[in-house]
C-alpha atoms as a PDB file:
ATOM      1  CA  MET A   1       5.206  24.834   9.626  1.00  0.00           C
ATOM      2  CA  ALA A   2       3.744  21.637  10.933  1.00  0.00           C
ATOM      3  CA  ILE A   3       2.676  18.774   8.287  1.00  0.00           C
ATOM      4  CA  THR A   4      -0.678  17.020  10.123  1.00  0.00           C
ATOM      5  CA  TYR A   5      -1.829  14.720   7.520  1.00  0.00           C
ATOM      6  CA  VAL A   6      -0.333  12.767   4.787  1.00  0.00           C
ATOM      7  CA  PHE A   7      -2.313  11.714   2.169  1.00  0.00           C
ATOM      8  CA  ALA A   8       0.050   9.533  -0.408  1.00  0.00           C
ATOM      9  CA  GLY A   9      -1.213   8.719  -4.321  1.00  0.00           C
ATOM     10  CA  ILE A  10      -0.911   5.688  -6.112  1.00  0.00           C
ATOM     11  CA  PRO A  11      -1.681   6.439 -10.127  1.00  0.00           C
ATOM     12  CA  THR A  12      -3.527   3.539 -12.150  1.00  0.00           C
ATOM     13  CA  ALA A  13      -4.263   3.393 -15.819  1.00  0.00           C
ATOM     14  CA  ASN A  14      -7.112   1.170 -15.046  1.00  0.00           C
ATOM     15  CA  TYR A  15      -8.787   1.686 -11.939  1.00  0.00           C
ATOM     16  CA  ALA A  16     -11.560  -0.002 -12.414  1.00  0.00           C
ATOM     17  CA  SER A  17      -9.563  -3.401 -12.624  1.00  0.00           C
ATOM     18  CA  THR A  18      -6.974  -2.415  -9.915  1.00  0.00           C
ATOM     19  CA  LEU A  19      -9.400  -1.217  -7.325  1.00  0.00           C
ATOM     20  CA  PRO A  20     -10.429  -4.718  -6.055  1.00  0.00           C
ATOM     21  CA  TRP A  21      -6.457  -5.364  -5.735  1.00  0.00           C
ATOM     22  CA  TYR A  22      -6.050  -2.816  -3.569  1.00  0.00           C
ATOM     23  CA  GLU A  23      -9.062  -3.578  -1.429  1.00  0.00           C
ATOM     24  CA  ARG A  24      -7.774  -6.854  -1.018  1.00  0.00           C
ATOM     25  CA  LEU A  25      -4.204  -5.458   0.412  1.00  0.00           C
ATOM     26  CA  PHE A  26      -6.132  -3.105   2.545  1.00  0.00           C
ATOM     27  CA  GLY A  27      -8.673  -5.749   3.798  1.00  0.00           C
ATOM     28  CA  ARG A  28     -11.712  -3.709   2.900  1.00  0.00           C
ATOM     29  CA  PRO A  29     -13.378  -1.149   0.911  1.00  0.00           C
ATOM     30  CA  PRO A  30     -12.555   2.270   0.359  1.00  0.00           C
ATOM     31  CA  ASP A  31     -13.164   4.367   3.316  1.00  0.00           C
ATOM     32  CA  MET A  32     -13.927   7.756   0.770  1.00  0.00           C
ATOM     33  CA  LEU A  33     -14.937   7.653  -2.842  1.00  0.00           C
ATOM     34  CA  PRO A  34     -14.317  11.626  -3.184  1.00  0.00           C
ATOM     35  CA  GLN A  35     -14.360  11.410  -7.080  1.00  0.00           C
ATOM     36  CA  ASP A  36     -14.643   9.209 -10.131  1.00  0.00           C
ATOM     37  CA  GLU A  37     -11.681   7.315 -10.213  1.00  0.00           C
ATOM     38  CA  LYS A  38     -10.403   7.951  -6.921  1.00  0.00           C
ATOM     39  CA  ALA A  39     -10.641   5.708  -4.085  1.00  0.00           C
ATOM     40  CA  ALA A  40      -9.283   6.415  -0.495  1.00  0.00           C
ATOM     41  CA  TRP A  41      -8.440   4.274   2.741  1.00  0.00           C
ATOM     42  CA  GLU A  42      -7.688   5.914   6.219  1.00  0.00           C
ATOM     43  CA  LEU A  43      -4.702   3.788   7.325  1.00  0.00           C
ATOM     44  CA  THR A  44      -3.953   6.081  10.305  1.00  0.00           C
ATOM     45  CA  ASP A  45      -5.634   9.052  11.886  1.00  0.00           C
ATOM     46  CA  THR A  46      -3.550  11.612  10.122  1.00  0.00           C
ATOM     47  CA  GLY A  47      -2.456   9.032   7.173  1.00  0.00           C
ATOM     48  CA  TRP A  48      -4.198   8.317   3.964  1.00  0.00           C
ATOM     49  CA  ILE A  49      -3.643   6.629   0.753  1.00  0.00           C
ATOM     50  CA  TYR A  50      -5.731   7.111  -2.205  1.00  0.00           C
ATOM     51  CA  LEU A  51      -5.751   5.054  -5.367  1.00  0.00           C
ATOM     52  CA  VAL A  52      -6.440   7.388  -8.599  1.00  0.00           C
ATOM     53  CA  GLY A  53      -6.894   6.786 -12.513  1.00  0.00           C
ATOM     54  CA  ASP A  54      -3.814   8.365 -13.734  1.00  0.00           C
ATOM     55  CA  ALA A  55      -2.312   6.668 -16.918  1.00  0.00           C
ATOM     56  CA  ASP A  56       0.579   8.895 -17.383  1.00  0.00           C
ATOM     57  CA  ARG A  57       1.892   8.183 -13.551  1.00  0.00           C
ATOM     58  CA  ALA A  58       0.920   4.832 -13.617  1.00  0.00           C
ATOM     59  CA  GLY A  59       3.085   1.805 -12.387  1.00  0.00           C
ATOM     60  CA  LYS A  60       5.830   4.381 -10.826  1.00  0.00           C
ATOM     61  CA  ALA A  61       4.675   4.478  -7.148  1.00  0.00           C
ATOM     62  CA  LEU A  62       6.766   3.309  -4.474  1.00  0.00           C
ATOM     63  CA  LEU A  63       5.315   3.486  -0.735  1.00  0.00           C
ATOM     64  CA  THR A  64       6.510   2.203   2.412  1.00  0.00           C
ATOM     65  CA  LEU A  65       4.015   0.950   5.692  1.00  0.00           C
ATOM     66  CA  LEU A  66       5.684   0.492   8.751  1.00  0.00           C
ATOM     67  CA  VAL A  67       4.227  -2.265  11.046  1.00  0.00           C
ATOM     68  CA  ASP A  68       4.484  -3.883  14.177  1.00  0.00           C
ATOM     69  CA  ASN A  69       4.381  -7.596  13.224  1.00  0.00           C
ATOM     70  CA  LEU A  70       5.402  -8.217   9.736  1.00  0.00           C
ATOM     71  CA  ASP A  71       4.572 -12.146   9.933  1.00  0.00           C
ATOM     72  CA  GLU A  72       0.992 -11.228  10.917  1.00  0.00           C
ATOM     73  CA  GLN A  73       0.632  -8.738   8.006  1.00  0.00           C
ATOM     74  CA  VAL A  74       2.163 -11.208   5.560  1.00  0.00           C
ATOM     75  CA  ALA A  75      -0.206 -13.775   7.088  1.00  0.00           C
ATOM     76  CA  ALA A  76      -3.288 -11.284   6.947  1.00  0.00           C
ATOM     77  CA  LEU A  77      -2.610 -10.867   3.151  1.00  0.00           C
ATOM     78  CA  ALA A  78      -1.821 -14.368   2.183  1.00  0.00           C
ATOM     79  CA  GLU A  79      -5.631 -14.880   3.371  1.00  0.00           C
ATOM     80  CA  ARG A  80      -6.475 -12.404   0.775  1.00  0.00           C
ATOM     81  CA  GLY A  81      -4.770 -13.725  -1.894  1.00  0.00           C
ATOM     82  CA  LEU A  82      -1.477 -11.649  -1.833  1.00  0.00           C
ATOM     83  CA  ALA A  83       2.102 -12.742  -1.647  1.00  0.00           C
ATOM     84  CA  PRO A  84       5.167 -11.013  -1.363  1.00  0.00           C
ATOM     85  CA  ASP A  85       7.002 -10.522  -4.640  1.00  0.00           C
ATOM     86  CA  GLU A  86      10.184  -9.664  -2.546  1.00  0.00           C
ATOM     87  CA  THR A  87      11.527 -10.049   0.921  1.00  0.00           C
ATOM     88  CA  GLU A  88      14.124  -8.774   2.679  1.00  0.00           C
ATOM     89  CA  THR A  89      16.102  -8.951   5.829  1.00  0.00           C
ATOM     90  CA  LEU A  90      18.122  -5.450   6.639  1.00  0.00           C
ATOM     91  CA  SER A  91      21.310  -5.371   8.474  1.00  0.00           C
ATOM     92  CA  ASP A  92      19.765  -3.852  11.549  1.00  0.00           C
ATOM     93  CA  GLY A  93      17.438  -7.249  11.953  1.00  0.00           C
ATOM     94  CA  GLY A  94      14.469  -5.068   9.942  1.00  0.00           C
ATOM     95  CA  ARG A  95      12.887  -6.899   7.516  1.00  0.00           C
ATOM     96  CA  LYS A  96      10.309  -6.228   4.744  1.00  0.00           C
ATOM     97  CA  ALA A  97       7.754  -7.742   2.301  1.00  0.00           C
ATOM     98  CA  ALA A  98       7.111  -6.151  -0.988  1.00  0.00           C
ATOM     99  CA  PHE A  99       4.100  -6.449  -3.089  1.00  0.00           C
ATOM    100  CA  VAL A 100       3.425  -5.297  -6.730  1.00  0.00           C
ATOM    101  CA  ASP A 101       0.083  -4.074  -8.051  1.00  0.00           C
ATOM    102  CA  PRO A 102      -0.717  -5.474 -11.322  1.00  0.00           C
ATOM    103  CA  GLU A 103       0.611  -2.126 -12.984  1.00  0.00           C
ATOM    104  CA  GLY A 104       3.849  -2.366 -11.238  1.00  0.00           C
ATOM    105  CA  ASN A 105       3.333   0.071  -8.155  1.00  0.00           C
ATOM    106  CA  LYS A 106       5.432  -1.086  -5.230  1.00  0.00           C
ATOM    107  CA  ILE A 107       3.875  -1.481  -1.703  1.00  0.00           C
ATOM    108  CA  THR A 108       6.242  -2.395   0.978  1.00  0.00           C
ATOM    109  CA  PHE A 109       5.278  -3.309   4.265  1.00  0.00           C
ATOM    110  CA  ALA A 110       8.322  -3.319   6.885  1.00  0.00           C
ATOM    111  CA  GLN A 111       8.970  -4.116  10.378  1.00  0.00           C
ATOM    112  CA  PRO A 112      11.932  -1.882  11.765  1.00  0.00           C
ATOM    113  CA  GLY A 113      14.625  -3.255  13.393  1.00  0.00           C
ATOM    114  CA  SER A 114      17.137  -2.274  16.202  1.00  0.00           C
ATOM    115  CA  ALA A 115      19.738  -0.077  15.499  1.00  0.00           C
END
């Protein structure tokens, strides 16, 4: 069985107030609004992230997105008013910067190091 697409969901208790934070995070409005309280962004040809109204699961998502230049990513997010809540350098030289949305979901951008 080959996996051809990934849809990663991020639950929110207050969709209307959290949506603008994700528009700043991704630097644009959603690529698709498939249903009420659901917004989706295509990040790669086969990778999507979606925000969904789901109060029971809100604040528990963990998502890591790999980037080729973490400094550029963090600088672009700073221009949109977002600063990392955590940064870390890993033992292999990789680095990561985590951003926590208004409900506690953690979105991490990571630049792999060399093993």
